[in-house]
Amino acid sequence: MPRKSDRRDLLADTALRLIDDSGLAQVTHRAIDKAAGVPDGTTSNYFRTRSALYEAIVRRLLDLQLADLDRLAVTPLPGSPAELLDLLAATVEAGDGTARNRYLARVELSLEAARNPGLAALMREMRAAAFQVIARKARAVHPHATDEQLDALGSVLTGLSLDRITLGVPAMSPRDVLAAVIPALLSQRHH
């Protein structure tokens, strides 16, 4: 018999696949049960409400992101602006397969979080975890960058990723966009 945490992960992972296939609005307890191949009512036994289900999906995304960030955190710090650009552009361009699936889920759940304070808090926690790793990498090259500047860089990365994954734009490469933005954003001392 599967452990409770394994079953929760199975249901959340199934929900992530369903979000990718048909969008968050179509992710219901019944749809997850069917797609996961579990008895009817299993998902609702674990997650009573839609809000609880969404929070479970975000917690799973956070667990997966933290594992990814742990791998990124141990990579060498960039030694030059070019290495930082390569690193950040690679995060934007990682829009295939699993990365795409997780990003689309984050976007849809972020929209839902605008109306759900508990979900919003979890989404901010996910963003903060990524911020810490990106800030450490960016400060290796731009040691005087402020938290506010790095936060803005995070928003630039989010916007670029959103446009690339959902619309296939901009035509300019993410590296070129970041090469234009980062020096202006991080080289200025914030007062």
N, C-alpha and C. Protein backbone atom coordinates (compact mmCIF):
# COMPACT_ATOMS: atom_id res chain seq x y z
N MET A 1 0.85 -1.18 0.00
CA MET A 1 0.00 0.00 0.00
C MET A 1 0.89 1.24 0.00
N PRO A 2 0.61 2.21 -0.89
CA PRO A 2 1.46 3.40 -0.96
C PRO A 2 1.36 4.24 0.30
N ARG A 3 2.50 4.88 0.64
CA ARG A 3 2.49 5.81 1.77
C ARG A 3 1.62 7.00 1.41
N LYS A 4 1.10 7.65 2.46
CA LYS A 4 0.21 8.80 2.27
C LYS A 4 0.92 9.90 1.47
N SER A 5 2.21 10.15 1.77
CA SER A 5 2.93 11.20 1.04
C SER A 5 3.12 10.82 -0.42
N ASP A 6 3.32 9.51 -0.69
CA ASP A 6 3.45 9.07 -2.08
C ASP A 6 2.14 9.30 -2.83
N ARG A 7 1.02 9.01 -2.18
CA ARG A 7 -0.28 9.19 -2.81
C ARG A 7 -0.53 10.69 -3.06
N ARG A 8 -0.18 11.52 -2.10
CA ARG A 8 -0.34 12.97 -2.28
C ARG A 8 0.49 13.45 -3.47
N ASP A 9 1.74 12.98 -3.56
CA ASP A 9 2.60 13.36 -4.69
C ASP A 9 2.00 12.89 -6.01
N LEU A 10 1.49 11.65 -6.03
CA LEU A 10 0.87 11.12 -7.24
C LEU A 10 -0.30 12.01 -7.68
N LEU A 11 -1.15 12.37 -6.74
CA LEU A 11 -2.32 13.20 -7.07
C LEU A 11 -1.89 14.59 -7.54
N ALA A 12 -0.90 15.19 -6.86
CA ALA A 12 -0.43 16.52 -7.26
C ALA A 12 0.26 16.46 -8.62
N ASP A 13 1.07 15.43 -8.85
CA ASP A 13 1.74 15.29 -10.15
C ASP A 13 0.72 15.09 -11.27
N THR A 14 -0.31 14.33 -10.98
CA THR A 14 -1.38 14.13 -11.96
C THR A 14 -2.08 15.45 -12.25
N ALA A 15 -2.33 16.23 -11.21
CA ALA A 15 -2.95 17.55 -11.39
C ALA A 15 -2.06 18.45 -12.25
N LEU A 16 -0.76 18.40 -12.04
CA LEU A 16 0.16 19.20 -12.86
C LEU A 16 0.05 18.81 -14.34
N ARG A 17 -0.02 17.52 -14.61
CA ARG A 17 -0.17 17.08 -16.01
C ARG A 17 -1.50 17.57 -16.59
N LEU A 18 -2.56 17.51 -15.78
CA LEU A 18 -3.87 17.96 -16.25
C LEU A 18 -3.87 19.47 -16.52
N ILE A 19 -3.20 20.24 -15.68
CA ILE A 19 -3.10 21.69 -15.92
C ILE A 19 -2.45 21.92 -17.26
N ASP A 20 -1.37 21.19 -17.54
CA ASP A 20 -0.65 21.34 -18.80
C ASP A 20 -1.54 20.96 -19.98
N ASP A 21 -2.32 19.90 -19.82
CA ASP A 21 -3.16 19.41 -20.91
C ASP A 21 -4.39 20.28 -21.16
N SER A 22 -5.06 20.72 -20.07
CA SER A 22 -6.36 21.36 -20.28
C SER A 22 -6.61 22.61 -19.44
N GLY A 23 -5.66 23.02 -18.64
CA GLY A 23 -5.84 24.24 -17.85
C GLY A 23 -6.39 23.96 -16.46
N LEU A 24 -6.13 24.89 -15.57
CA LEU A 24 -6.50 24.74 -14.16
C LEU A 24 -8.00 24.57 -13.97
N ALA A 25 -8.81 25.24 -14.76
CA ALA A 25 -10.27 25.17 -14.59
C ALA A 25 -10.79 23.74 -14.77
N GLN A 26 -10.07 22.93 -15.53
CA GLN A 26 -10.52 21.56 -15.79
C GLN A 26 -9.97 20.54 -14.78
N VAL A 27 -9.16 21.04 -13.85
CA VAL A 27 -8.57 20.15 -12.85
C VAL A 27 -9.54 20.02 -11.70
N THR A 28 -10.27 18.93 -11.71
CA THR A 28 -11.25 18.65 -10.66
C THR A 28 -10.81 17.40 -9.90
N HIS A 29 -11.41 17.21 -8.75
CA HIS A 29 -11.11 16.01 -7.96
C HIS A 29 -11.38 14.76 -8.79
N ARG A 30 -12.50 14.74 -9.47
CA ARG A 30 -12.89 13.57 -10.28
C ARG A 30 -11.92 13.36 -11.44
N ALA A 31 -11.51 14.45 -12.10
CA ALA A 31 -10.58 14.32 -13.23
C ALA A 31 -9.24 13.77 -12.76
N ILE A 32 -8.79 14.19 -11.60
CA ILE A 32 -7.53 13.68 -11.06
C ILE A 32 -7.66 12.19 -10.74
N ASP A 33 -8.75 11.82 -10.09
CA ASP A 33 -8.97 10.40 -9.78
C ASP A 33 -8.87 9.55 -11.05
N LYS A 34 -9.55 9.98 -12.08
CA LYS A 34 -9.58 9.22 -13.33
C LYS A 34 -8.18 9.15 -13.96
N ALA A 35 -7.52 10.31 -14.06
CA ALA A 35 -6.20 10.35 -14.71
C ALA A 35 -5.14 9.61 -13.90
N ALA A 36 -5.27 9.60 -12.58
CA ALA A 36 -4.29 8.91 -11.72
C ALA A 36 -4.59 7.42 -11.59
N GLY A 37 -5.78 7.01 -12.04
CA GLY A 37 -6.14 5.61 -11.94
C GLY A 37 -6.40 5.16 -10.51
N VAL A 38 -6.95 6.07 -9.73
CA VAL A 38 -7.27 5.74 -8.33
C VAL A 38 -8.79 5.69 -8.19
N PRO A 39 -9.29 5.05 -7.13
CA PRO A 39 -10.75 4.97 -6.94
C PRO A 39 -11.39 6.35 -6.84
N ASP A 40 -12.62 6.44 -7.32
CA ASP A 40 -13.39 7.69 -7.20
C ASP A 40 -13.42 8.13 -5.75
N GLY A 41 -13.21 9.43 -5.54
CA GLY A 41 -13.25 9.99 -4.20
C GLY A 41 -11.89 10.08 -3.52
N THR A 42 -10.87 9.48 -4.12
CA THR A 42 -9.54 9.49 -3.49
C THR A 42 -9.01 10.91 -3.34
N THR A 43 -9.06 11.69 -4.41
CA THR A 43 -8.52 13.05 -4.36
C THR A 43 -9.27 13.88 -3.33
N SER A 44 -10.59 13.76 -3.30
CA SER A 44 -11.35 14.55 -2.32
C SER A 44 -11.11 14.08 -0.89
N ASN A 45 -10.70 12.83 -0.70
CA ASN A 45 -10.33 12.37 0.64
C ASN A 45 -9.04 13.04 1.12
N TYR A 46 -8.14 13.28 0.19
CA TYR A 46 -6.88 13.92 0.54
C TYR A 46 -7.00 15.45 0.59
N PHE A 47 -7.75 16.00 -0.33
CA PHE A 47 -7.88 17.46 -0.46
C PHE A 47 -9.36 17.79 -0.57
N ARG A 48 -9.96 18.17 0.53
CA ARG A 48 -11.41 18.35 0.63
C ARG A 48 -11.97 19.43 -0.30
N THR A 49 -11.25 20.52 -0.42
CA THR A 49 -11.77 21.65 -1.21
C THR A 49 -10.86 21.92 -2.40
N ARG A 50 -11.37 22.70 -3.32
CA ARG A 50 -10.57 23.11 -4.46
C ARG A 50 -9.36 23.91 -3.98
N SER A 51 -9.55 24.76 -2.98
CA SER A 51 -8.46 25.55 -2.43
C SER A 51 -7.38 24.63 -1.83
N ALA A 52 -7.78 23.61 -1.11
CA ALA A 52 -6.81 22.66 -0.54
C ALA A 52 -6.07 21.92 -1.65
N LEU A 53 -6.77 21.60 -2.72
CA LEU A 53 -6.15 20.95 -3.86
C LEU A 53 -5.10 21.87 -4.49
N TYR A 54 -5.47 23.12 -4.72
CA TYR A 54 -4.53 24.07 -5.31
C TYR A 54 -3.31 24.26 -4.43
N GLU A 55 -3.52 24.33 -3.13
CA GLU A 55 -2.38 24.49 -2.21
C GLU A 55 -1.48 23.26 -2.27
N ALA A 56 -2.06 22.08 -2.40
CA ALA A 56 -1.26 20.86 -2.52
C ALA A 56 -0.43 20.87 -3.80
N ILE A 57 -1.02 21.37 -4.88
CA ILE A 57 -0.28 21.45 -6.15
C ILE A 57 0.89 22.42 -5.99
N VAL A 58 0.65 23.57 -5.35
CA VAL A 58 1.73 24.54 -5.15
C VAL A 58 2.81 23.96 -4.25
N ARG A 59 2.42 23.26 -3.20
CA ARG A 59 3.42 22.63 -2.33
C ARG A 59 4.27 21.63 -3.11
N ARG A 60 3.65 20.88 -4.00
CA ARG A 60 4.41 19.94 -4.83
C ARG A 60 5.34 20.70 -5.77
N LEU A 61 4.85 21.76 -6.39
CA LEU A 61 5.71 22.58 -7.24
C LEU A 61 6.89 23.13 -6.44
N LEU A 62 6.62 23.58 -5.23
CA LEU A 62 7.68 24.11 -4.38
C LEU A 62 8.72 23.03 -4.08
N ASP A 63 8.27 21.83 -3.74
CA ASP A 63 9.21 20.72 -3.49
C ASP A 63 10.08 20.44 -4.72
N LEU A 64 9.46 20.39 -5.89
CA LEU A 64 10.20 20.14 -7.12
C LEU A 64 11.16 21.29 -7.43
N GLN A 65 10.71 22.53 -7.20
CA GLN A 65 11.56 23.68 -7.45
C GLN A 65 12.74 23.70 -6.49
N LEU A 66 12.51 23.38 -5.23
CA LEU A 66 13.61 23.37 -4.26
C LEU A 66 14.66 22.33 -4.64
N ALA A 67 14.24 21.19 -5.16
CA ALA A 67 15.21 20.18 -5.63
C ALA A 67 16.02 20.74 -6.80
N ASP A 68 15.34 21.42 -7.74
CA ASP A 68 16.05 22.05 -8.86
C ASP A 68 17.01 23.13 -8.37
N LEU A 69 16.55 23.94 -7.42
CA LEU A 69 17.39 25.02 -6.90
C LEU A 69 18.59 24.48 -6.14
N ASP A 70 18.42 23.37 -5.45
CA ASP A 70 19.56 22.75 -4.77
C ASP A 70 20.64 22.37 -5.78
N ARG A 71 20.22 21.84 -6.93
CA ARG A 71 21.19 21.49 -7.97
C ARG A 71 21.84 22.75 -8.54
N LEU A 72 21.05 23.80 -8.75
CA LEU A 72 21.60 25.05 -9.29
C LEU A 72 22.52 25.73 -8.27
N ALA A 73 22.18 25.64 -7.00
CA ALA A 73 22.96 26.32 -5.96
C ALA A 73 24.39 25.79 -5.88
N VAL A 74 24.59 24.53 -6.21
CA VAL A 74 25.94 23.97 -6.10
C VAL A 74 26.76 24.14 -7.37
N THR A 75 26.17 24.69 -8.42
CA THR A 75 26.96 24.99 -9.61
C THR A 75 27.85 26.18 -9.31
N PRO A 76 28.99 26.27 -10.00
CA PRO A 76 29.91 27.38 -9.72
C PRO A 76 29.23 28.74 -9.94
N LEU A 77 29.65 29.70 -9.13
CA LEU A 77 29.16 31.06 -9.32
C LEU A 77 29.69 31.60 -10.64
N PRO A 78 28.89 32.40 -11.32
CA PRO A 78 29.40 32.99 -12.57
C PRO A 78 30.58 33.92 -12.26
N GLY A 79 31.59 33.86 -13.12
CA GLY A 79 32.78 34.68 -12.91
C GLY A 79 32.81 35.93 -13.76
N SER A 80 31.79 36.07 -14.62
CA SER A 80 31.78 37.22 -15.52
C SER A 80 30.33 37.55 -15.87
N PRO A 81 30.12 38.77 -16.38
CA PRO A 81 28.77 39.10 -16.86
C PRO A 81 28.27 38.13 -17.94
N ALA A 82 29.17 37.68 -18.80
CA ALA A 82 28.76 36.75 -19.87
C ALA A 82 28.28 35.42 -19.28
N GLU A 83 28.96 34.93 -18.25
CA GLU A 83 28.54 33.67 -17.62
C GLU A 83 27.18 33.85 -16.92
N LEU A 84 26.97 35.00 -16.29
CA LEU A 84 25.67 35.27 -15.67
C LEU A 84 24.57 35.31 -16.73
N LEU A 85 24.84 35.98 -17.85
CA LEU A 85 23.86 36.03 -18.94
C LEU A 85 23.53 34.63 -19.43
N ASP A 86 24.55 33.80 -19.60
CA ASP A 86 24.31 32.42 -20.06
C ASP A 86 23.42 31.67 -19.09
N LEU A 87 23.71 31.80 -17.80
CA LEU A 87 22.94 31.12 -16.77
C LEU A 87 21.47 31.57 -16.77
N LEU A 88 21.26 32.89 -16.77
CA LEU A 88 19.89 33.41 -16.72
C LEU A 88 19.13 33.13 -18.01
N ALA A 89 19.80 33.24 -19.15
CA ALA A 89 19.14 32.93 -20.42
C ALA A 89 18.73 31.47 -20.47
N ALA A 90 19.56 30.59 -19.91
CA ALA A 90 19.23 29.16 -19.89
C ALA A 90 17.98 28.91 -19.04
N THR A 91 17.79 29.69 -17.97
CA THR A 91 16.58 29.49 -17.16
C THR A 91 15.35 29.90 -17.95
N VAL A 92 15.46 30.95 -18.75
CA VAL A 92 14.32 31.39 -19.57
C VAL A 92 14.05 30.40 -20.69
N GLU A 93 15.12 29.88 -21.28
CA GLU A 93 14.97 29.00 -22.45
C GLU A 93 14.62 27.57 -22.07
N ALA A 94 14.57 27.26 -20.79
CA ALA A 94 14.25 25.90 -20.34
C ALA A 94 12.75 25.66 -20.42
N GLY A 95 12.14 26.04 -21.52
CA GLY A 95 10.69 25.99 -21.63
C GLY A 95 10.14 24.77 -22.32
N ASP A 96 10.85 23.66 -22.24
CA ASP A 96 10.37 22.44 -22.86
C ASP A 96 10.00 21.42 -21.78
N GLY A 97 9.11 20.52 -22.12
CA GLY A 97 8.80 19.39 -21.26
C GLY A 97 8.38 19.76 -19.85
N THR A 98 9.11 19.20 -18.89
CA THR A 98 8.76 19.38 -17.48
C THR A 98 8.81 20.83 -17.06
N ALA A 99 9.81 21.56 -17.51
CA ALA A 99 9.91 22.98 -17.13
C ALA A 99 8.70 23.75 -17.64
N ARG A 100 8.27 23.46 -18.85
CA ARG A 100 7.09 24.13 -19.40
C ARG A 100 5.86 23.80 -18.57
N ASN A 101 5.70 22.52 -18.26
CA ASN A 101 4.56 22.07 -17.47
C ASN A 101 4.50 22.81 -16.14
N ARG A 102 5.61 22.86 -15.45
CA ARG A 102 5.64 23.53 -14.15
C ARG A 102 5.40 25.03 -14.28
N TYR A 103 5.95 25.62 -15.34
CA TYR A 103 5.78 27.06 -15.50
C TYR A 103 4.32 27.41 -15.79
N LEU A 104 3.68 26.65 -16.66
CA LEU A 104 2.27 26.91 -16.94
C LEU A 104 1.43 26.77 -15.68
N ALA A 105 1.74 25.76 -14.88
CA ALA A 105 1.02 25.58 -13.61
C ALA A 105 1.25 26.78 -12.70
N ARG A 106 2.49 27.27 -12.62
CA ARG A 106 2.78 28.44 -11.80
C ARG A 106 1.97 29.66 -12.27
N VAL A 107 1.89 29.85 -13.57
CA VAL A 107 1.16 31.00 -14.11
C VAL A 107 -0.32 30.90 -13.74
N GLU A 108 -0.91 29.74 -13.99
CA GLU A 108 -2.34 29.60 -13.69
C GLU A 108 -2.61 29.70 -12.20
N LEU A 109 -1.75 29.12 -11.39
CA LEU A 109 -1.94 29.20 -9.95
C LEU A 109 -1.67 30.61 -9.42
N SER A 110 -0.79 31.35 -10.07
CA SER A 110 -0.55 32.75 -9.68
C SER A 110 -1.80 33.59 -9.93
N LEU A 111 -2.47 33.33 -11.03
CA LEU A 111 -3.72 34.06 -11.30
C LEU A 111 -4.77 33.71 -10.25
N GLU A 112 -4.86 32.46 -9.90
CA GLU A 112 -5.80 32.03 -8.86
C GLU A 112 -5.43 32.64 -7.51
N ALA A 113 -4.13 32.81 -7.26
CA ALA A 113 -3.65 33.36 -5.99
C ALA A 113 -4.09 34.81 -5.79
N ALA A 114 -4.41 35.49 -6.87
CA ALA A 114 -4.89 36.87 -6.74
C ALA A 114 -6.19 36.94 -5.95
N ARG A 115 -6.89 35.81 -5.87
CA ARG A 115 -8.16 35.75 -5.14
C ARG A 115 -8.11 34.81 -3.94
N ASN A 116 -6.92 34.30 -3.62
CA ASN A 116 -6.79 33.33 -2.55
C ASN A 116 -5.54 33.65 -1.73
N PRO A 117 -5.69 34.33 -0.59
CA PRO A 117 -4.53 34.76 0.19
C PRO A 117 -3.61 33.62 0.64
N GLY A 118 -4.17 32.48 0.99
CA GLY A 118 -3.34 31.35 1.39
C GLY A 118 -2.48 30.85 0.25
N LEU A 119 -3.07 30.77 -0.92
CA LEU A 119 -2.34 30.36 -2.10
C LEU A 119 -1.30 31.41 -2.47
N ALA A 120 -1.65 32.68 -2.33
CA ALA A 120 -0.70 33.76 -2.64
C ALA A 120 0.54 33.65 -1.75
N ALA A 121 0.35 33.34 -0.49
CA ALA A 121 1.49 33.21 0.43
C ALA A 121 2.41 32.07 -0.03
N LEU A 122 1.85 30.96 -0.46
CA LEU A 122 2.66 29.85 -0.96
C LEU A 122 3.39 30.22 -2.24
N MET A 123 2.72 30.95 -3.12
CA MET A 123 3.35 31.37 -4.38
C MET A 123 4.51 32.34 -4.09
N ARG A 124 4.34 33.21 -3.11
CA ARG A 124 5.44 34.12 -2.73
C ARG A 124 6.61 33.33 -2.15
N GLU A 125 6.30 32.28 -1.40
CA GLU A 125 7.36 31.42 -0.85
C GLU A 125 8.15 30.77 -1.99
N MET A 126 7.45 30.31 -3.02
CA MET A 126 8.11 29.70 -4.16
C MET A 126 9.01 30.72 -4.87
N ARG A 127 8.50 31.91 -5.06
CA ARG A 127 9.28 32.96 -5.72
C ARG A 127 10.50 33.34 -4.88
N ALA A 128 10.33 33.42 -3.56
CA ALA A 128 11.43 33.79 -2.67
C ALA A 128 12.55 32.76 -2.71
N ALA A 129 12.20 31.49 -2.82
CA ALA A 129 13.23 30.44 -2.89
C ALA A 129 14.08 30.61 -4.14
N ALA A 130 13.44 30.88 -5.26
CA ALA A 130 14.18 31.11 -6.50
C ALA A 130 15.00 32.38 -6.40
N PHE A 131 14.43 33.41 -5.78
CA PHE A 131 15.11 34.69 -5.63
C PHE A 131 16.45 34.52 -4.91
N GLN A 132 16.47 33.73 -3.86
CA GLN A 132 17.70 33.56 -3.09
C GLN A 132 18.83 33.00 -3.94
N VAL A 133 18.54 32.00 -4.75
CA VAL A 133 19.58 31.40 -5.58
C VAL A 133 20.00 32.35 -6.69
N ILE A 134 19.04 32.96 -7.37
CA ILE A 134 19.37 33.90 -8.45
C ILE A 134 20.14 35.09 -7.91
N ALA A 135 19.74 35.60 -6.75
CA ALA A 135 20.43 36.74 -6.15
C ALA A 135 21.89 36.40 -5.86
N ARG A 136 22.13 35.21 -5.34
CA ARG A 136 23.50 34.80 -5.04
C ARG A 136 24.33 34.74 -6.32
N LYS A 137 23.75 34.20 -7.38
CA LYS A 137 24.47 34.10 -8.66
C LYS A 137 24.72 35.50 -9.24
N ALA A 138 23.71 36.36 -9.20
CA ALA A 138 23.85 37.71 -9.76
C ALA A 138 24.85 38.54 -8.97
N ARG A 139 24.83 38.39 -7.66
CA ARG A 139 25.75 39.19 -6.83
C ARG A 139 27.20 38.76 -6.98
N ALA A 140 27.44 37.59 -7.53
CA ALA A 140 28.82 37.18 -7.80
C ALA A 140 29.44 38.10 -8.85
N VAL A 141 28.61 38.65 -9.72
CA VAL A 141 29.08 39.53 -10.78
C VAL A 141 28.73 40.99 -10.49
N HIS A 142 27.61 41.20 -9.82
CA HIS A 142 27.14 42.55 -9.48
C HIS A 142 26.97 42.64 -7.95
N PRO A 143 28.08 42.75 -7.23
CA PRO A 143 28.02 42.68 -5.76
C PRO A 143 27.21 43.79 -5.09
N HIS A 144 27.02 44.89 -5.77
CA HIS A 144 26.29 46.01 -5.16
C HIS A 144 24.80 46.02 -5.50
N ALA A 145 24.35 45.01 -6.22
CA ALA A 145 22.92 44.95 -6.59
C ALA A 145 22.08 44.86 -5.33
N THR A 146 21.04 45.66 -5.29
CA THR A 146 20.14 45.67 -4.12
C THR A 146 19.07 44.59 -4.28
N ASP A 147 18.42 44.29 -3.18
CA ASP A 147 17.31 43.34 -3.24
C ASP A 147 16.24 43.83 -4.20
N GLU A 148 15.98 45.13 -4.21
CA GLU A 148 14.95 45.69 -5.10
C GLU A 148 15.34 45.50 -6.56
N GLN A 149 16.61 45.72 -6.88
CA GLN A 149 17.05 45.52 -8.26
C GLN A 149 16.95 44.05 -8.67
N LEU A 150 17.35 43.18 -7.76
CA LEU A 150 17.29 41.75 -8.07
C LEU A 150 15.85 41.26 -8.15
N ASP A 151 14.97 41.84 -7.35
CA ASP A 151 13.56 41.51 -7.43
C ASP A 151 13.01 41.91 -8.81
N ALA A 152 13.42 43.08 -9.28
CA ALA A 152 13.00 43.52 -10.62
C ALA A 152 13.54 42.58 -11.69
N LEU A 153 14.78 42.11 -11.50
CA LEU A 153 15.34 41.14 -12.44
C LEU A 153 14.50 39.87 -12.44
N GLY A 154 14.07 39.43 -11.26
CA GLY A 154 13.19 38.26 -11.19
C GLY A 154 11.92 38.46 -11.99
N SER A 155 11.36 39.66 -11.92
CA SER A 155 10.15 39.95 -12.70
C SER A 155 10.44 39.95 -14.20
N VAL A 156 11.60 40.45 -14.59
CA VAL A 156 11.99 40.42 -16.01
C VAL A 156 12.09 38.96 -16.48
N LEU A 157 12.74 38.12 -15.67
CA LEU A 157 12.87 36.71 -16.03
C LEU A 157 11.51 36.03 -16.12
N THR A 158 10.63 36.36 -15.19
CA THR A 158 9.27 35.79 -15.21
C THR A 158 8.54 36.21 -16.48
N GLY A 159 8.62 37.49 -16.81
CA GLY A 159 7.94 37.99 -18.01
C GLY A 159 8.49 37.36 -19.28
N LEU A 160 9.80 37.27 -19.38
CA LEU A 160 10.41 36.65 -20.55
C LEU A 160 9.98 35.19 -20.66
N SER A 161 10.02 34.48 -19.53
CA SER A 161 9.62 33.07 -19.54
C SER A 161 8.16 32.91 -19.96
N LEU A 162 7.30 33.76 -19.41
CA LEU A 162 5.88 33.71 -19.76
C LEU A 162 5.68 33.90 -21.26
N ASP A 163 6.28 34.93 -21.81
CA ASP A 163 6.11 35.20 -23.24
C ASP A 163 6.70 34.09 -24.11
N ARG A 164 7.84 33.55 -23.71
CA ARG A 164 8.47 32.49 -24.51
C ARG A 164 7.62 31.22 -24.49
N ILE A 165 7.16 30.83 -23.31
CA ILE A 165 6.43 29.57 -23.19
C ILE A 165 5.03 29.65 -23.76
N THR A 166 4.35 30.76 -23.54
CA THR A 166 2.96 30.84 -23.99
C THR A 166 2.81 31.35 -25.42
N LEU A 167 3.65 32.28 -25.83
CA LEU A 167 3.46 32.92 -27.13
C LEU A 167 4.61 32.76 -28.11
N GLY A 168 5.75 32.26 -27.62
CA GLY A 168 6.91 32.11 -28.50
C GLY A 168 7.57 33.44 -28.86
N VAL A 169 7.40 34.44 -28.03
CA VAL A 169 8.00 35.76 -28.27
C VAL A 169 8.82 36.15 -27.04
N PRO A 170 9.68 37.12 -27.12
CA PRO A 170 10.03 37.94 -28.27
C PRO A 170 10.92 37.18 -29.26
N ALA A 171 10.98 37.70 -30.48
CA ALA A 171 11.82 37.08 -31.49
C ALA A 171 13.30 37.18 -31.10
N MET A 172 13.65 38.26 -30.41
CA MET A 172 15.03 38.44 -29.94
C MET A 172 15.33 37.35 -28.90
N SER A 173 16.54 36.86 -28.90
CA SER A 173 16.89 35.80 -27.95
C SER A 173 16.84 36.34 -26.52
N PRO A 174 16.46 35.49 -25.57
CA PRO A 174 16.44 35.92 -24.17
C PRO A 174 17.81 36.44 -23.71
N ARG A 175 18.88 35.85 -24.21
CA ARG A 175 20.21 36.30 -23.82
C ARG A 175 20.43 37.74 -24.27
N ASP A 176 20.00 38.06 -25.50
CA ASP A 176 20.17 39.43 -26.01
C ASP A 176 19.32 40.42 -25.21
N VAL A 177 18.10 40.01 -24.86
CA VAL A 177 17.24 40.89 -24.05
C VAL A 177 17.91 41.14 -22.70
N LEU A 178 18.36 40.08 -22.07
CA LEU A 178 19.00 40.21 -20.76
C LEU A 178 20.30 41.00 -20.85
N ALA A 179 21.04 40.84 -21.95
CA ALA A 179 22.28 41.61 -22.14
C ALA A 179 21.99 43.11 -22.18
N ALA A 180 20.82 43.47 -22.69
CA ALA A 180 20.45 44.89 -22.73
C ALA A 180 19.91 45.37 -21.39
N VAL A 181 19.22 44.51 -20.67
CA VAL A 181 18.54 44.92 -19.45
C VAL A 181 19.44 44.87 -18.21
N ILE A 182 20.19 43.80 -18.06
CA ILE A 182 20.93 43.59 -16.81
C ILE A 182 21.93 44.70 -16.50
N PRO A 183 22.75 45.13 -17.45
CA PRO A 183 23.70 46.20 -17.08
C PRO A 183 22.98 47.47 -16.60
N ALA A 184 21.90 47.82 -17.26
CA ALA A 184 21.16 49.02 -16.86
C ALA A 184 20.49 48.83 -15.50
N LEU A 185 20.03 47.64 -15.26
CA LEU A 185 19.29 47.37 -14.02
C LEU A 185 20.22 47.16 -12.83
N LEU A 186 21.29 46.40 -12.99
CA LEU A 186 22.11 46.01 -11.86
C LEU A 186 23.38 46.84 -11.67
N SER A 187 23.79 47.56 -12.69
CA SER A 187 25.02 48.33 -12.55
C SER A 187 24.80 49.67 -11.87
N GLN A 188 23.55 50.08 -11.79
CA GLN A 188 23.22 51.36 -11.14
C GLN A 188 23.12 51.17 -9.65
N ARG A 189 23.72 52.04 -8.92
CA ARG A 189 23.55 52.01 -7.45
C ARG A 189 22.20 52.61 -7.13
N HIS A 190 21.45 51.88 -6.34
CA HIS A 190 20.10 52.31 -5.94
C HIS A 190 20.20 53.22 -4.74
N HIS A 191 19.51 54.32 -4.78
CA HIS A 191 19.55 55.27 -3.66
C HIS A 191 18.25 55.29 -2.94
